[in-house]
């Protein structure tokens, strides 16, 4: 019987001569490798371990990949619409002219259609802009339809700073 004493697990690269099997044990951090003909030369194949290793090692990633491809193909993403802006969710069914006419009172509508950019109309448009929380695209389209590009540009650039610059607020 041959006993080889090693203190490093990386030095276990089969130090035994042919015809002997390897046995090992540890004591106080020292690994004892024992070469003896009574140990089996070729250990039996562990079919359960091999089956579990292949089944779990290859099966689980294959199932995850299959589910991911299925979700991608069918567009089943739960995080798809997580960050939706108000512009994306708002789809008016009315034309731009109808939206402006329903949201503005007759006196504001007359000012809007005549193109009078007075303080009252500017405050009302800013109030509508703040209530909706999005750009007033319908108002811009309608102002361009009635050929009032100055009003369309003012609505496009509307902000609290715009009102401050014009000494309205």
C-alpha atoms as a PDB file:
ATOM      1  CA  UNK A   1       0.000   0.000   0.000  1.00  0.00           C
ATOM      2  CA  UNK A   2       1.331   3.397  -1.030  1.00  0.00           C
ATOM      3  CA  UNK A   3       0.378   6.539   0.908  1.00  0.00           C
ATOM      4  CA  UNK A   4       0.882   9.956  -0.673  1.00  0.00           C
ATOM      5  CA  UNK A   5       0.402  12.971   1.557  1.00  0.00           C
ATOM      6  CA  UNK A   6      -0.578  16.271  -0.043  1.00  0.00           C
ATOM      7  CA  UNK A   7      -1.667  19.580   1.407  1.00  0.00           C
ATOM      8  CA  UNK A   8      -3.176  21.040  -1.735  1.00  0.00           C
ATOM      9  CA  UNK A   9      -6.372  19.812  -3.466  1.00  0.00           C
ATOM     10  CA  UNK A  10      -5.023  20.952  -6.851  1.00  0.00           C
ATOM     11  CA  UNK A  11      -2.193  18.413  -6.615  1.00  0.00           C
ATOM     12  CA  UNK A  12      -4.674  15.508  -6.867  1.00  0.00           C
ATOM     13  CA  UNK A  13      -4.151  14.746 -10.543  1.00  0.00           C
ATOM     14  CA  UNK A  14      -4.084  10.939 -10.100  1.00  0.00           C
ATOM     15  CA  UNK A  15      -0.708  10.265  -8.548  1.00  0.00           C
ATOM     16  CA  UNK A  16      -1.365   6.513  -8.304  1.00  0.00           C
ATOM     17  CA  UNK A  17       0.344   4.007 -10.613  1.00  0.00           C
ATOM     18  CA  UNK A  18      -1.738   1.968 -13.012  1.00  0.00           C
ATOM     19  CA  UNK A  19      -3.556  -1.004 -11.546  1.00  0.00           C
ATOM     20  CA  UNK A  20      -4.433   0.776  -8.321  1.00  0.00           C
ATOM     21  CA  UNK A  21      -7.427   2.837  -7.330  1.00  0.00           C
ATOM     22  CA  UNK A  22      -7.539   6.098  -5.442  1.00  0.00           C
ATOM     23  CA  UNK A  23      -8.877   6.572  -1.965  1.00  0.00           C
ATOM     24  CA  UNK A  24      -8.569   9.724   0.079  1.00  0.00           C
ATOM     25  CA  UNK A  25      -9.281  11.176   3.464  1.00  0.00           C
ATOM     26  CA  UNK A  26      -8.681  14.420   5.302  1.00  0.00           C
ATOM     27  CA  UNK A  27      -7.183  15.066   8.690  1.00  0.00           C
ATOM     28  CA  UNK A  28      -6.547  18.555  10.129  1.00  0.00           C
ATOM     29  CA  UNK A  29      -6.681  20.167   6.709  1.00  0.00           C
ATOM     30  CA  UNK A  30      -4.346  17.597   5.141  1.00  0.00           C
ATOM     31  CA  UNK A  31      -5.652  15.371   2.370  1.00  0.00           C
ATOM     32  CA  UNK A  32      -4.340  11.790   2.369  1.00  0.00           C
ATOM     33  CA  UNK A  33      -4.410  10.013  -0.974  1.00  0.00           C
ATOM     34  CA  UNK A  34      -4.226   6.228  -0.767  1.00  0.00           C
ATOM     35  CA  UNK A  35      -3.342   4.116  -3.790  1.00  0.00           C
ATOM     36  CA  UNK A  36      -4.326   0.486  -3.366  1.00  0.00           C
ATOM     37  CA  UNK A  37      -5.300  -2.361  -5.732  1.00  0.00           C
ATOM     38  CA  UNK A  38      -8.362  -3.111  -3.600  1.00  0.00           C
ATOM     39  CA  UNK A  39     -10.017   0.219  -4.571  1.00  0.00           C
ATOM     40  CA  UNK A  40     -12.071   0.099  -7.777  1.00  0.00           C
ATOM     41  CA  UNK A  41     -10.141   1.161 -10.886  1.00  0.00           C
ATOM     42  CA  UNK A  42     -13.127   2.580 -12.710  1.00  0.00           C
ATOM     43  CA  UNK A  43     -15.843   3.679 -10.370  1.00  0.00           C
ATOM     44  CA  UNK A  44     -19.364   2.729 -11.473  1.00  0.00           C
ATOM     45  CA  UNK A  45     -21.275   5.328 -13.425  1.00  0.00           C
ATOM     46  CA  UNK A  46     -23.870   7.062 -11.299  1.00  0.00           C
ATOM     47  CA  UNK A  47     -26.832   7.088 -13.684  1.00  0.00           C
ATOM     48  CA  UNK A  48     -29.037   9.025 -11.278  1.00  0.00           C
ATOM     49  CA  UNK A  49     -26.413  11.756 -10.913  1.00  0.00           C
ATOM     50  CA  UNK A  50     -25.817  11.826 -14.645  1.00  0.00           C
ATOM     51  CA  UNK A  51     -29.542  12.040 -15.359  1.00  0.00           C
ATOM     52  CA  UNK A  52     -30.096  14.794 -12.820  1.00  0.00           C
ATOM     53  CA  UNK A  53     -27.055  16.714 -14.049  1.00  0.00           C
ATOM     54  CA  UNK A  54     -28.099  16.592 -17.679  1.00  0.00           C
ATOM     55  CA  UNK A  55     -31.795  17.052 -16.969  1.00  0.00           C
ATOM     56  CA  UNK A  56     -31.394  20.049 -14.720  1.00  0.00           C
ATOM     57  CA  UNK A  57     -28.293  21.469 -16.366  1.00  0.00           C
ATOM     58  CA  UNK A  58     -29.722  21.397 -19.867  1.00  0.00           C
ATOM     59  CA  UNK A  59     -33.456  21.034 -19.271  1.00  0.00           C
ATOM     60  CA  UNK A  60     -34.136  24.115 -17.149  1.00  0.00           C
ATOM     61  CA  UNK A  61     -32.280  26.541 -19.457  1.00  0.00           C
ATOM     62  CA  UNK A  62     -34.002  24.942 -22.455  1.00  0.00           C
ATOM     63  CA  UNK A  63     -37.427  25.427 -20.847  1.00  0.00           C
ATOM     64  CA  UNK A  64     -36.612  29.030 -19.910  1.00  0.00           C
ATOM     65  CA  UNK A  65     -35.415  29.728 -23.452  1.00  0.00           C
ATOM     66  CA  UNK A  66     -38.554  28.130 -24.900  1.00  0.00           C
ATOM     67  CA  UNK A  67     -40.851  30.236 -22.672  1.00  0.00           C
ATOM     68  CA  UNK A  68     -38.908  33.403 -23.515  1.00  0.00           C
ATOM     69  CA  UNK A  69     -39.149  32.713 -27.269  1.00  0.00           C
ATOM     70  CA  UNK A  70     -42.857  31.940 -26.912  1.00  0.00           C
ATOM     71  CA  UNK A  71     -43.444  35.180 -24.989  1.00  0.00           C
ATOM     72  CA  UNK A  72     -41.420  37.187 -27.494  1.00  0.00           C
ATOM     73  CA  UNK A  73     -43.234  35.657 -30.461  1.00  0.00           C
ATOM     74  CA  UNK A  74     -46.699  36.231 -28.977  1.00  0.00           C
ATOM     75  CA  UNK A  75     -45.826  39.657 -27.502  1.00  0.00           C
ATOM     76  CA  UNK A  76     -46.628  38.668 -23.893  1.00  0.00           C
ATOM     77  CA  UNK A  77     -44.439  41.222 -22.114  1.00  0.00           C
ATOM     78  CA  UNK A  78     -45.689  42.348 -18.734  1.00  0.00           C
ATOM     79  CA  UNK A  79     -43.325  45.322 -18.692  1.00  0.00           C
ATOM     80  CA  UNK A  80     -44.208  46.492 -22.194  1.00  0.00           C
ATOM     81  CA  UNK A  81     -46.499  49.398 -21.248  1.00  0.00           C
ATOM     82  CA  UNK A  82     -44.969  50.250 -17.893  1.00  0.00           C
ATOM     83  CA  UNK A  83     -43.702  53.704 -18.890  1.00  0.00           C
ATOM     84  CA  UNK A  84     -46.523  55.061 -20.997  1.00  0.00           C
ATOM     85  CA  UNK A  85     -46.698  58.799 -21.483  1.00  0.00           C
ATOM     86  CA  UNK A  86     -50.038  60.596 -21.568  1.00  0.00           C
ATOM     87  CA  UNK A  87     -49.529  61.384 -25.269  1.00  0.00           C
ATOM     88  CA  UNK A  88     -49.408  57.686 -26.086  1.00  0.00           C
ATOM     89  CA  UNK A  89     -52.594  56.806 -24.228  1.00  0.00           C
ATOM     90  CA  UNK A  90     -54.683  59.738 -25.429  1.00  0.00           C
ATOM     91  CA  UNK A  91     -56.231  59.012 -28.804  1.00  0.00           C
ATOM     92  CA  UNK A  92     -58.983  61.471 -29.587  1.00  0.00           C
ATOM     93  CA  UNK A  93     -61.935  60.229 -31.570  1.00  0.00           C
ATOM     94  CA  UNK A  94     -62.997  63.760 -32.419  1.00  0.00           C
ATOM     95  CA  UNK A  95     -61.354  65.956 -35.023  1.00  0.00           C
ATOM     96  CA  UNK A  96     -59.185  68.823 -33.847  1.00  0.00           C
ATOM     97  CA  UNK A  97     -61.933  71.341 -34.653  1.00  0.00           C
ATOM     98  CA  UNK A  98     -64.512  69.419 -32.617  1.00  0.00           C
ATOM     99  CA  UNK A  99     -62.158  69.094 -29.637  1.00  0.00           C
ATOM    100  CA  UNK A 100     -61.467  72.840 -29.593  1.00  0.00           C
ATOM    101  CA  UNK A 101     -65.169  73.672 -29.935  1.00  0.00           C
ATOM    102  CA  UNK A 102     -66.186  71.344 -27.091  1.00  0.00           C
ATOM    103  CA  UNK A 103     -63.462  72.493 -24.677  1.00  0.00           C
ATOM    104  CA  UNK A 104     -63.673  76.238 -25.198  1.00  0.00           C
ATOM    105  CA  UNK A 105     -66.670  78.361 -24.289  1.00  0.00           C
ATOM    106  CA  UNK A 106     -68.240  80.454 -27.103  1.00  0.00           C
ATOM    107  CA  UNK A 107     -66.469  83.652 -26.054  1.00  0.00           C
ATOM    108  CA  UNK A 108     -63.047  81.943 -25.931  1.00  0.00           C
ATOM    109  CA  UNK A 109     -63.790  80.182 -29.213  1.00  0.00           C
ATOM    110  CA  UNK A 110     -64.535  83.557 -30.876  1.00  0.00           C
ATOM    111  CA  UNK A 111     -61.211  84.923 -29.598  1.00  0.00           C
ATOM    112  CA  UNK A 112     -59.426  81.772 -30.778  1.00  0.00           C
ATOM    113  CA  UNK A 113     -60.972  81.820 -34.256  1.00  0.00           C
ATOM    114  CA  UNK A 114     -60.398  85.551 -34.728  1.00  0.00           C
ATOM    115  CA  UNK A 115     -56.771  85.121 -33.677  1.00  0.00           C
ATOM    116  CA  UNK A 116     -56.861  87.592 -30.792  1.00  0.00           C
ATOM    117  CA  UNK A 117     -54.022  86.542 -28.534  1.00  0.00           C
ATOM    118  CA  UNK A 118     -55.107  88.506 -25.516  1.00  0.00           C
ATOM    119  CA  UNK A 119     -54.279  87.831 -21.874  1.00  0.00           C
ATOM    120  CA  UNK A 120     -57.606  86.109 -21.140  1.00  0.00           C
ATOM    121  CA  UNK A 121     -57.208  83.596 -23.984  1.00  0.00           C
ATOM    122  CA  UNK A 122     -53.576  82.896 -23.092  1.00  0.00           C
ATOM    123  CA  UNK A 123     -54.497  82.164 -19.467  1.00  0.00           C
ATOM    124  CA  UNK A 124     -57.348  79.879 -20.566  1.00  0.00           C
ATOM    125  CA  UNK A 125     -55.091  77.951 -22.973  1.00  0.00           C
ATOM    126  CA  UNK A 126     -52.435  77.574 -20.264  1.00  0.00           C
ATOM    127  CA  UNK A 127     -55.099  76.345 -17.839  1.00  0.00           C
ATOM    128  CA  UNK A 128     -56.254  73.713 -20.361  1.00  0.00           C
ATOM    129  CA  UNK A 129     -52.627  72.739 -20.982  1.00  0.00           C
ATOM    130  CA  UNK A 130     -52.067  72.234 -17.229  1.00  0.00           C
ATOM    131  CA  UNK A 131     -55.290  70.237 -16.820  1.00  0.00           C
ATOM    132  CA  UNK A 132     -54.473  67.868 -19.677  1.00  0.00           C
ATOM    133  CA  UNK A 133     -50.790  67.531 -18.792  1.00  0.00           C
ATOM    134  CA  UNK A 134     -49.775  67.096 -22.412  1.00  0.00           C
ATOM    135  CA  UNK A 135     -49.207  69.269 -25.483  1.00  0.00           C
ATOM    136  CA  UNK A 136     -52.327  70.802 -27.018  1.00  0.00           C
ATOM    137  CA  UNK A 137     -51.917  69.153 -30.413  1.00  0.00           C
ATOM    138  CA  UNK A 138     -55.568  69.569 -31.396  1.00  0.00           C
ATOM    139  CA  UNK A 139     -55.403  73.303 -30.716  1.00  0.00           C
ATOM    140  CA  UNK A 140     -52.232  73.619 -32.810  1.00  0.00           C
ATOM    141  CA  UNK A 141     -53.827  71.714 -35.718  1.00  0.00           C
ATOM    142  CA  UNK A 142     -56.988  73.803 -35.571  1.00  0.00           C
ATOM    143  CA  UNK A 143     -55.011  77.066 -35.408  1.00  0.00           C
ATOM    144  CA  UNK A 144     -53.110  75.978 -38.515  1.00  0.00           C
ATOM    145  CA  UNK A 145     -56.387  74.997 -40.222  1.00  0.00           C
ATOM    146  CA  UNK A 146     -57.778  78.485 -39.702  1.00  0.00           C
ATOM    147  CA  UNK A 147     -54.439  79.878 -40.963  1.00  0.00           C
ATOM    148  CA  UNK A 148     -53.339  81.469 -37.697  1.00  0.00           C
ATOM    149  CA  UNK A 149     -49.701  80.405 -37.450  1.00  0.00           C
ATOM    150  CA  UNK A 150     -48.850  82.936 -34.732  1.00  0.00           C
ATOM    151  CA  UNK A 151     -51.426  81.351 -32.409  1.00  0.00           C
ATOM    152  CA  UNK A 152     -50.210  77.834 -33.344  1.00  0.00           C
ATOM    153  CA  UNK A 153     -46.599  78.758 -32.504  1.00  0.00           C
ATOM    154  CA  UNK A 154     -47.639  80.334 -29.203  1.00  0.00           C
ATOM    155  CA  UNK A 155     -49.610  77.212 -28.206  1.00  0.00           C
ATOM    156  CA  UNK A 156     -46.713  74.969 -29.260  1.00  0.00           C
ATOM    157  CA  UNK A 157     -44.332  76.896 -26.946  1.00  0.00           C
ATOM    158  CA  UNK A 158     -46.774  77.396 -24.071  1.00  0.00           C
ATOM    159  CA  UNK A 159     -45.297  77.127 -20.575  1.00  0.00           C
ATOM    160  CA  UNK A 160     -45.354  78.973 -17.279  1.00  0.00           C
ATOM    161  CA  UNK A 161     -42.139  80.697 -18.317  1.00  0.00           C
ATOM    162  CA  UNK A 162     -43.869  81.951 -21.477  1.00  0.00           C
ATOM    163  CA  UNK A 163     -46.560  83.562 -19.331  1.00  0.00           C
ATOM    164  CA  UNK A 164     -43.932  85.079 -17.034  1.00  0.00           C
ATOM    165  CA  UNK A 165     -41.963  86.479 -19.976  1.00  0.00           C
ATOM    166  CA  UNK A 166     -45.079  88.185 -21.274  1.00  0.00           C
ATOM    167  CA  UNK A 167     -45.869  89.575 -17.760  1.00  0.00           C
ATOM    168  CA  UNK A 168     -49.202  87.764 -17.658  1.00  0.00           C
ATOM    169  CA  UNK A 169     -48.635  85.952 -14.377  1.00  0.00           C
END
